[in-house]
């Protein structure tokens, strides 16, 4: 399994937990606010969980640009340490 898929699977799991979304609704093109109804507090909670899981930091400027699941997966995949995948 490639890094993108591993990151997507984990982020999908976190979205399901944090935002109370059915797993089948979490697609790469789904919008955090537009499709899942996430407000800024929901997004902050989700980003905190992602930071804890992947041991990364999502800076405020980047956070405002992460609108759809694919953006989030790409961002995390590029930031996460390779040790996560071992």
PDB file of N, CA and C in Angstrom:
ATOM      1  N   UNK A   1       0.846  -1.186   0.000  1.00  0.00           N
ATOM      2  CA  UNK A   1       0.000   0.000   0.000  1.00  0.00           C
ATOM      3  C   UNK A   1       0.893   1.252   0.000  1.00  0.00           C
ATOM      4  N   UNK A   2       0.532   2.231  -0.812  1.00  0.00           N
ATOM      5  CA  UNK A   2       1.381   3.420  -0.887  1.00  0.00           C
ATOM      6  C   UNK A   2       1.056   4.402   0.240  1.00  0.00           C
ATOM      7  N   UNK A   3       1.937   5.368   0.414  1.00  0.00           N
ATOM      8  CA  UNK A   3       1.811   6.328   1.509  1.00  0.00           C
ATOM      9  C   UNK A   3       0.499   7.096   1.436  1.00  0.00           C
ATOM     10  N   UNK A   4       0.111   7.499   0.229  1.00  0.00           N
ATOM     11  CA  UNK A   4      -1.125   8.253   0.064  1.00  0.00           C
ATOM     12  C   UNK A   4      -2.312   7.460   0.606  1.00  0.00           C
ATOM     13  N   UNK A   5      -2.379   6.189   0.261  1.00  0.00           N
ATOM     14  CA  UNK A   5      -3.506   5.352   0.697  1.00  0.00           C
ATOM     15  C   UNK A   5      -3.489   5.145   2.209  1.00  0.00           C
ATOM     16  N   UNK A   6      -2.319   4.955   2.778  1.00  0.00           N
ATOM     17  CA  UNK A   6      -2.199   4.775   4.231  1.00  0.00           C
ATOM     18  C   UNK A   6      -2.692   6.025   4.953  1.00  0.00           C
ATOM     19  N   UNK A   7      -2.240   7.192   4.474  1.00  0.00           N
ATOM     20  CA  UNK A   7      -2.653   8.457   5.085  1.00  0.00           C
ATOM     21  C   UNK A   7      -4.160   8.662   4.907  1.00  0.00           C
ATOM     22  N   UNK A   8      -4.662   8.402   3.703  1.00  0.00           N
ATOM     23  CA  UNK A   8      -6.102   8.565   3.451  1.00  0.00           C
ATOM     24  C   UNK A   8      -6.927   7.685   4.387  1.00  0.00           C
ATOM     25  N   UNK A   9      -6.542   6.433   4.521  1.00  0.00           N
ATOM     26  CA  UNK A   9      -7.289   5.505   5.379  1.00  0.00           C
ATOM     27  C   UNK A   9      -7.354   5.999   6.820  1.00  0.00           C
ATOM     28  N   UNK A  10      -6.235   6.504   7.333  1.00  0.00           N
ATOM     29  CA  UNK A  10      -6.196   6.975   8.721  1.00  0.00           C
ATOM     30  C   UNK A  10      -6.986   8.264   8.873  1.00  0.00           C
ATOM     31  N   UNK A  11      -6.847   9.180   7.923  1.00  0.00           N
ATOM     32  CA  UNK A  11      -7.599  10.434   7.991  1.00  0.00           C
ATOM     33  C   UNK A  11      -9.096  10.150   7.879  1.00  0.00           C
ATOM     34  N   UNK A  12      -9.459   9.218   7.026  1.00  0.00           N
ATOM     35  CA  UNK A  12     -10.864   8.829   6.887  1.00  0.00           C
ATOM     36  C   UNK A  12     -11.402   8.349   8.233  1.00  0.00           C
ATOM     37  N   UNK A  13     -10.626   7.507   8.896  1.00  0.00           N
ATOM     38  CA  UNK A  13     -11.012   6.988  10.215  1.00  0.00           C
ATOM     39  C   UNK A  13     -11.206   8.134  11.212  1.00  0.00           C
ATOM     40  N   UNK A  14     -10.297   9.099  11.198  1.00  0.00           N
ATOM     41  CA  UNK A  14     -10.382  10.238  12.121  1.00  0.00           C
ATOM     42  C   UNK A  14     -11.592  11.121  11.801  1.00  0.00           C
ATOM     43  N   UNK A  15     -11.878  11.309  10.509  1.00  0.00           N
ATOM     44  CA  UNK A  15     -13.043  12.107  10.112  1.00  0.00           C
ATOM     45  C   UNK A  15     -14.325  11.425  10.590  1.00  0.00           C
ATOM     46  N   UNK A  16     -14.395  10.123  10.415  1.00  0.00           N
ATOM     47  CA  UNK A  16     -15.574   9.366  10.862  1.00  0.00           C
ATOM     48  C   UNK A  16     -15.767   9.554  12.366  1.00  0.00           C
ATOM     49  N   UNK A  17     -14.688   9.449  13.131  1.00  0.00           N
ATOM     50  CA  UNK A  17     -14.754   9.596  14.593  1.00  0.00           C
ATOM     51  C   UNK A  17     -15.105  11.022  15.007  1.00  0.00           C
ATOM     52  N   UNK A  18     -14.341  11.984  14.496  1.00  0.00           N
ATOM     53  CA  UNK A  18     -14.454  13.374  14.948  1.00  0.00           C
ATOM     54  C   UNK A  18     -15.708  14.082  14.443  1.00  0.00           C
ATOM     55  N   UNK A  19     -16.073  13.826  13.198  1.00  0.00           N
ATOM     56  CA  UNK A  19     -17.169  14.575  12.590  1.00  0.00           C
ATOM     57  C   UNK A  19     -18.460  13.764  12.489  1.00  0.00           C
ATOM     58  N   UNK A  20     -18.419  12.526  12.994  1.00  0.00           N
ATOM     59  CA  UNK A  20     -19.610  11.676  12.992  1.00  0.00           C
ATOM     60  C   UNK A  20     -20.168  11.479  11.583  1.00  0.00           C
ATOM     61  N   UNK A  21     -19.288  11.145  10.669  1.00  0.00           N
ATOM     62  CA  UNK A  21     -19.654  10.984   9.262  1.00  0.00           C
ATOM     63  C   UNK A  21     -19.621   9.496   8.924  1.00  0.00           C
ATOM     64  N   UNK A  22     -20.548   9.056   8.083  1.00  0.00           N
ATOM     65  CA  UNK A  22     -20.527   7.666   7.631  1.00  0.00           C
ATOM     66  C   UNK A  22     -19.295   7.449   6.755  1.00  0.00           C
ATOM     67  N   UNK A  23     -18.589   6.332   6.948  1.00  0.00           N
ATOM     68  CA  UNK A  23     -17.346   6.077   6.195  1.00  0.00           C
ATOM     69  C   UNK A  23     -17.513   6.188   4.683  1.00  0.00           C
ATOM     70  N   UNK A  24     -18.642   5.745   4.162  1.00  0.00           N
ATOM     71  CA  UNK A  24     -18.816   5.765   2.706  1.00  0.00           C
ATOM     72  C   UNK A  24     -18.928   7.188   2.146  1.00  0.00           C
ATOM     73  N   UNK A  25     -19.157   8.171   3.012  1.00  0.00           N
ATOM     74  CA  UNK A  25     -19.239   9.563   2.558  1.00  0.00           C
ATOM     75  C   UNK A  25     -17.875  10.241   2.476  1.00  0.00           C
ATOM     76  N   UNK A  26     -16.864   9.611   3.073  1.00  0.00           N
ATOM     77  CA  UNK A  26     -15.525  10.218   3.090  1.00  0.00           C
ATOM     78  C   UNK A  26     -14.791   9.835   1.808  1.00  0.00           C
ATOM     79  N   UNK A  27     -14.820  10.757   0.861  1.00  0.00           N
ATOM     80  CA  UNK A  27     -14.115  10.572  -0.413  1.00  0.00           C
ATOM     81  C   UNK A  27     -13.059  11.663  -0.535  1.00  0.00           C
ATOM     82  N   UNK A  28     -12.168  11.502  -1.491  1.00  0.00           N
ATOM     83  CA  UNK A  28     -11.102  12.488  -1.671  1.00  0.00           C
ATOM     84  C   UNK A  28     -11.646  13.868  -2.035  1.00  0.00           C
ATOM     85  N   UNK A  29     -12.768  13.903  -2.728  1.00  0.00           N
ATOM     86  CA  UNK A  29     -13.321  15.192  -3.167  1.00  0.00           C
ATOM     87  C   UNK A  29     -14.294  15.811  -2.165  1.00  0.00           C
ATOM     88  N   UNK A  30     -14.572  15.122  -1.064  1.00  0.00           N
ATOM     89  CA  UNK A  30     -15.514  15.630  -0.068  1.00  0.00           C
ATOM     90  C   UNK A  30     -14.933  16.841   0.663  1.00  0.00           C
ATOM     91  N   UNK A  31     -15.780  17.842   0.860  1.00  0.00           N
ATOM     92  CA  UNK A  31     -15.358  19.050   1.567  1.00  0.00           C
ATOM     93  C   UNK A  31     -15.638  18.942   3.054  1.00  0.00           C
ATOM     94  N   UNK A  32     -14.682  19.391   3.861  1.00  0.00           N
ATOM     95  CA  UNK A  32     -14.855  19.307   5.315  1.00  0.00           C
ATOM     96  C   UNK A  32     -16.073  20.106   5.760  1.00  0.00           C
ATOM     97  N   UNK A  33     -16.216  21.325   5.251  1.00  0.00           N
ATOM     98  CA  UNK A  33     -17.355  22.157   5.628  1.00  0.00           C
ATOM     99  C   UNK A  33     -18.556  21.880   4.727  1.00  0.00           C
ATOM    100  N   UNK A  34     -18.327  21.847   3.423  1.00  0.00           N
ATOM    101  CA  UNK A  34     -19.446  21.741   2.486  1.00  0.00           C
ATOM    102  C   UNK A  34     -20.155  20.391   2.537  1.00  0.00           C
ATOM    103  N   UNK A  35     -19.414  19.315   2.726  1.00  0.00           N
ATOM    104  CA  UNK A  35     -20.041  17.986   2.739  1.00  0.00           C
ATOM    105  C   UNK A  35     -20.269  17.434   4.146  1.00  0.00           C
ATOM    106  N   UNK A  36     -19.408  17.790   5.076  1.00  0.00           N
ATOM    107  CA  UNK A  36     -19.512  17.228   6.427  1.00  0.00           C
ATOM    108  C   UNK A  36     -20.058  18.218   7.448  1.00  0.00           C
ATOM    109  N   UNK A  37     -20.250  19.473   7.038  1.00  0.00           N
ATOM    110  CA  UNK A  37     -20.798  20.479   7.943  1.00  0.00           C
ATOM    111  C   UNK A  37     -19.857  20.885   9.061  1.00  0.00           C
ATOM    112  N   UNK A  38     -18.556  20.687   8.865  1.00  0.00           N
ATOM    113  CA  UNK A  38     -17.572  21.012   9.901  1.00  0.00           C
ATOM    114  C   UNK A  38     -17.425  22.528  10.025  1.00  0.00           C
ATOM    115  N   UNK A  39     -17.592  23.035  11.237  1.00  0.00           N
ATOM    116  CA  UNK A  39     -17.304  24.452  11.468  1.00  0.00           C
ATOM    117  C   UNK A  39     -15.846  24.579  11.893  1.00  0.00           C
ATOM    118  N   UNK A  40     -15.423  25.787  12.218  1.00  0.00           N
ATOM    119  CA  UNK A  40     -14.003  25.994  12.539  1.00  0.00           C
ATOM    120  C   UNK A  40     -13.566  25.203  13.770  1.00  0.00           C
ATOM    121  N   UNK A  41     -14.447  25.050  14.742  1.00  0.00           N
ATOM    122  CA  UNK A  41     -14.110  24.266  15.940  1.00  0.00           C
ATOM    123  C   UNK A  41     -13.968  22.785  15.593  1.00  0.00           C
ATOM    124  N   UNK A  42     -14.878  22.273  14.762  1.00  0.00           N
ATOM    125  CA  UNK A  42     -14.785  20.876  14.314  1.00  0.00           C
ATOM    126  C   UNK A  42     -13.470  20.639  13.575  1.00  0.00           C
ATOM    127  N   UNK A  43     -13.127  21.562  12.684  1.00  0.00           N
ATOM    128  CA  UNK A  43     -11.895  21.431  11.907  1.00  0.00           C
ATOM    129  C   UNK A  43     -10.685  21.451  12.831  1.00  0.00           C
ATOM    130  N   UNK A  44     -10.699  22.328  13.823  1.00  0.00           N
ATOM    131  CA  UNK A  44      -9.596  22.419  14.781  1.00  0.00           C
ATOM    132  C   UNK A  44      -9.423  21.102  15.535  1.00  0.00           C
ATOM    133  N   UNK A  45     -10.527  20.531  15.989  1.00  0.00           N
ATOM    134  CA  UNK A  45     -10.476  19.240  16.688  1.00  0.00           C
ATOM    135  C   UNK A  45      -9.910  18.145  15.774  1.00  0.00           C
ATOM    136  N   UNK A  46     -10.392  18.130  14.538  1.00  0.00           N
ATOM    137  CA  UNK A  46      -9.906  17.145  13.574  1.00  0.00           C
ATOM    138  C   UNK A  46      -8.415  17.323  13.326  1.00  0.00           C
ATOM    139  N   UNK A  47      -7.985  18.558  13.102  1.00  0.00           N
ATOM    140  CA  UNK A  47      -6.566  18.827  12.849  1.00  0.00           C
ATOM    141  C   UNK A  47      -5.714  18.434  14.058  1.00  0.00           C
ATOM    142  N   UNK A  48      -6.224  18.661  15.270  1.00  0.00           N
ATOM    143  CA  UNK A  48      -5.498  18.253  16.478  1.00  0.00           C
ATOM    144  C   UNK A  48      -5.310  16.736  16.505  1.00  0.00           C
ATOM    145  N   UNK A  49      -6.348  16.006  16.150  1.00  0.00           N
ATOM    146  CA  UNK A  49      -6.247  14.540  16.106  1.00  0.00           C
ATOM    147  C   UNK A  49      -5.245  14.094  15.039  1.00  0.00           C
ATOM    148  N   UNK A  50      -5.269  14.744  13.903  1.00  0.00           N
ATOM    149  CA  UNK A  50      -4.338  14.412  12.820  1.00  0.00           C
ATOM    150  C   UNK A  50      -2.904  14.709  13.253  1.00  0.00           C
ATOM    151  N   UNK A  51      -2.705  15.846  13.896  1.00  0.00           N
ATOM    152  CA  UNK A  51      -1.363  16.200  14.385  1.00  0.00           C
ATOM    153  C   UNK A  51      -0.855  15.158  15.382  1.00  0.00           C
ATOM    154  N   UNK A  52      -1.721  14.721  16.275  1.00  0.00           N
ATOM    155  CA  UNK A  52      -1.332  13.714  17.274  1.00  0.00           C
ATOM    156  C   UNK A  52      -1.015  12.383  16.617  1.00  0.00           C
ATOM    157  N   UNK A  53      -1.834  11.972  15.673  1.00  0.00           N
ATOM    158  CA  UNK A  53      -1.655  10.689  15.005  1.00  0.00           C
ATOM    159  C   UNK A  53      -0.373  10.646  14.188  1.00  0.00           C
ATOM    160  N   UNK A  54      -0.126  11.699  13.417  1.00  0.00           N
ATOM    161  CA  UNK A  54       0.993  11.691  12.472  1.00  0.00           C
ATOM    162  C   UNK A  54       2.234  12.409  12.992  1.00  0.00           C
ATOM    163  N   UNK A  55       2.130  12.980  14.205  1.00  0.00           N
ATOM    164  CA  UNK A  55       3.249  13.706  14.819  1.00  0.00           C
ATOM    165  C   UNK A  55       3.763  14.821  13.900  1.00  0.00           C
ATOM    166  N   UNK A  56       2.815  15.628  13.427  1.00  0.00           N
ATOM    167  CA  UNK A  56       3.135  16.770  12.580  1.00  0.00           C
ATOM    168  C   UNK A  56       2.446  18.000  13.164  1.00  0.00           C
ATOM    169  N   UNK A  57       2.746  19.154  12.580  1.00  0.00           N
ATOM    170  CA  UNK A  57       2.064  20.388  12.938  1.00  0.00           C
ATOM    171  C   UNK A  57       1.407  20.943  11.683  1.00  0.00           C
ATOM    172  N   UNK A  58       0.158  21.310  11.815  1.00  0.00           N
ATOM    173  CA  UNK A  58      -0.551  21.966  10.717  1.00  0.00           C
ATOM    174  C   UNK A  58      -0.606  23.450  11.064  1.00  0.00           C
ATOM    175  N   UNK A  59       0.181  24.249  10.346  1.00  0.00           N
ATOM    176  CA  UNK A  59       0.223  25.675  10.665  1.00  0.00           C
ATOM    177  C   UNK A  59      -1.092  26.344  10.246  1.00  0.00           C
ATOM    178  N   UNK A  60      -1.370  27.496  10.870  1.00  0.00           N
ATOM    179  CA  UNK A  60      -2.650  28.182  10.656  1.00  0.00           C
ATOM    180  C   UNK A  60      -2.881  28.545   9.195  1.00  0.00           C
ATOM    181  N   UNK A  61      -1.834  29.017   8.525  1.00  0.00           N
ATOM    182  CA  UNK A  61      -1.983  29.414   7.122  1.00  0.00           C
ATOM    183  C   UNK A  61      -2.381  28.217   6.263  1.00  0.00           C
ATOM    184  N   UNK A  62      -1.731  27.084   6.486  1.00  0.00           N
ATOM    185  CA  UNK A  62      -2.067  25.872   5.729  1.00  0.00           C
ATOM    186  C   UNK A  62      -3.466  25.383   6.078  1.00  0.00           C
ATOM    187  N   UNK A  63      -3.820  25.447   7.346  1.00  0.00           N
ATOM    188  CA  UNK A  63      -5.119  24.946   7.803  1.00  0.00           C
ATOM    189  C   UNK A  63      -6.267  25.622   7.065  1.00  0.00           C
ATOM    190  N   UNK A  64      -6.125  26.907   6.771  1.00  0.00           N
ATOM    191  CA  UNK A  64      -7.204  27.624   6.091  1.00  0.00           C
ATOM    192  C   UNK A  64      -7.365  27.182   4.639  1.00  0.00           C
ATOM    193  N   UNK A  65      -6.340  26.542   4.091  1.00  0.00           N
ATOM    194  CA  UNK A  65      -6.380  26.103   2.700  1.00  0.00           C
ATOM    195  C   UNK A  65      -6.837  24.652   2.540  1.00  0.00           C
ATOM    196  N   UNK A  66      -6.938  23.928   3.633  1.00  0.00           N
ATOM    197  CA  UNK A  66      -7.285  22.502   3.592  1.00  0.00           C
ATOM    198  C   UNK A  66      -8.806  22.367   3.609  1.00  0.00           C
ATOM    199  N   UNK A  67      -9.402  22.415   2.432  1.00  0.00           N
ATOM    200  CA  UNK A  67     -10.863  22.443   2.318  1.00  0.00           C
ATOM    201  C   UNK A  67     -11.473  21.077   2.019  1.00  0.00           C
ATOM    202  N   UNK A  68     -10.762  20.262   1.223  1.00  0.00           N
ATOM    203  CA  UNK A  68     -11.294  18.940   0.877  1.00  0.00           C
ATOM    204  C   UNK A  68     -10.356  17.858   1.410  1.00  0.00           C
ATOM    205  N   UNK A  69     -10.858  16.653   1.477  1.00  0.00           N
ATOM    206  CA  UNK A  69     -10.102  15.536   2.049  1.00  0.00           C
ATOM    207  C   UNK A  69      -8.776  15.331   1.303  1.00  0.00           C
ATOM    208  N   UNK A  70      -8.799  15.424  -0.024  1.00  0.00           N
ATOM    209  CA  UNK A  70      -7.577  15.218  -0.795  1.00  0.00           C
ATOM    210  C   UNK A  70      -6.483  16.218  -0.402  1.00  0.00           C
ATOM    211  N   UNK A  71      -6.863  17.488  -0.184  1.00  0.00           N
ATOM    212  CA  UNK A  71      -5.892  18.501   0.241  1.00  0.00           C
ATOM    213  C   UNK A  71      -5.239  18.087   1.554  1.00  0.00           C
ATOM    214  N   UNK A  72      -6.052  17.605   2.456  1.00  0.00           N
ATOM    215  CA  UNK A  72      -5.579  17.192   3.773  1.00  0.00           C
ATOM    216  C   UNK A  72      -4.637  15.995   3.666  1.00  0.00           C
ATOM    217  N   UNK A  73      -5.004  15.019   2.869  1.00  0.00           N
ATOM    218  CA  UNK A  73      -4.182  13.823   2.686  1.00  0.00           C
ATOM    219  C   UNK A  73      -2.834  14.196   2.060  1.00  0.00           C
ATOM    220  N   UNK A  74      -2.851  15.011   1.026  1.00  0.00           N
ATOM    221  CA  UNK A  74      -1.606  15.438   0.373  1.00  0.00           C
ATOM    222  C   UNK A  74      -0.700  16.193   1.350  1.00  0.00           C
ATOM    223  N   UNK A  75      -1.299  17.107   2.123  1.00  0.00           N
ATOM    224  CA  UNK A  75      -0.541  17.889   3.089  1.00  0.00           C
ATOM    225  C   UNK A  75       0.138  16.981   4.113  1.00  0.00           C
ATOM    226  N   UNK A  76      -0.640  16.068   4.678  1.00  0.00           N
ATOM    227  CA  UNK A  76      -0.096  15.165   5.707  1.00  0.00           C
ATOM    228  C   UNK A  76       0.963  14.251   5.100  1.00  0.00           C
ATOM    229  N   UNK A  77       0.685  13.698   3.931  1.00  0.00           N
ATOM    230  CA  UNK A  77       1.644  12.789   3.277  1.00  0.00           C
ATOM    231  C   UNK A  77       2.995  13.475   3.079  1.00  0.00           C
ATOM    232  N   UNK A  78       2.974  14.745   2.745  1.00  0.00           N
ATOM    233  CA  UNK A  78       4.212  15.480   2.502  1.00  0.00           C
ATOM    234  C   UNK A  78       4.919  15.907   3.777  1.00  0.00           C
ATOM    235  N   UNK A  79       4.191  15.975   4.890  1.00  0.00           N
ATOM    236  CA  UNK A  79       4.778  16.420   6.156  1.00  0.00           C
ATOM    237  C   UNK A  79       5.228  15.279   7.066  1.00  0.00           C
ATOM    238  N   UNK A  80       4.582  14.137   6.931  1.00  0.00           N
ATOM    239  CA  UNK A  80       4.799  13.056   7.895  1.00  0.00           C
ATOM    240  C   UNK A  80       6.192  12.430   7.713  1.00  0.00           C
ATOM    241  N   UNK A  81       6.751  12.034   8.822  1.00  0.00           N
ATOM    242  CA  UNK A  81       8.059  11.383   8.827  1.00  0.00           C
ATOM    243  C   UNK A  81       7.928   9.974   8.245  1.00  0.00           C
ATOM    244  N   UNK A  82       8.916   9.549   7.475  1.00  0.00           N
ATOM    245  CA  UNK A  82       8.876   8.218   6.862  1.00  0.00           C
ATOM    246  C   UNK A  82       8.778   7.086   7.893  1.00  0.00           C
ATOM    247  N   UNK A  83       9.195   7.343   9.119  1.00  0.00           N
ATOM    248  CA  UNK A  83       9.122   6.301  10.150  1.00  0.00           C
ATOM    249  C   UNK A  83       7.681   5.889  10.411  1.00  0.00           C
ATOM    250  N   UNK A  84       6.748   6.766  10.152  1.00  0.00           N
ATOM    251  CA  UNK A  84       5.332   6.435  10.358  1.00  0.00           C
ATOM    252  C   UNK A  84       4.919   5.225   9.514  1.00  0.00           C
ATOM    253  N   UNK A  85       5.539   5.061   8.363  1.00  0.00           N
ATOM    254  CA  UNK A  85       5.132   4.031   7.419  1.00  0.00           C
ATOM    255  C   UNK A  85       5.874   2.699   7.599  1.00  0.00           C
ATOM    256  N   UNK A  86       6.752   2.651   8.577  1.00  0.00           N
ATOM    257  CA  UNK A  86       7.546   1.426   8.778  1.00  0.00           C
ATOM    258  C   UNK A  86       6.805   0.423   9.631  1.00  0.00           C
TER     259      UNK A  86
END
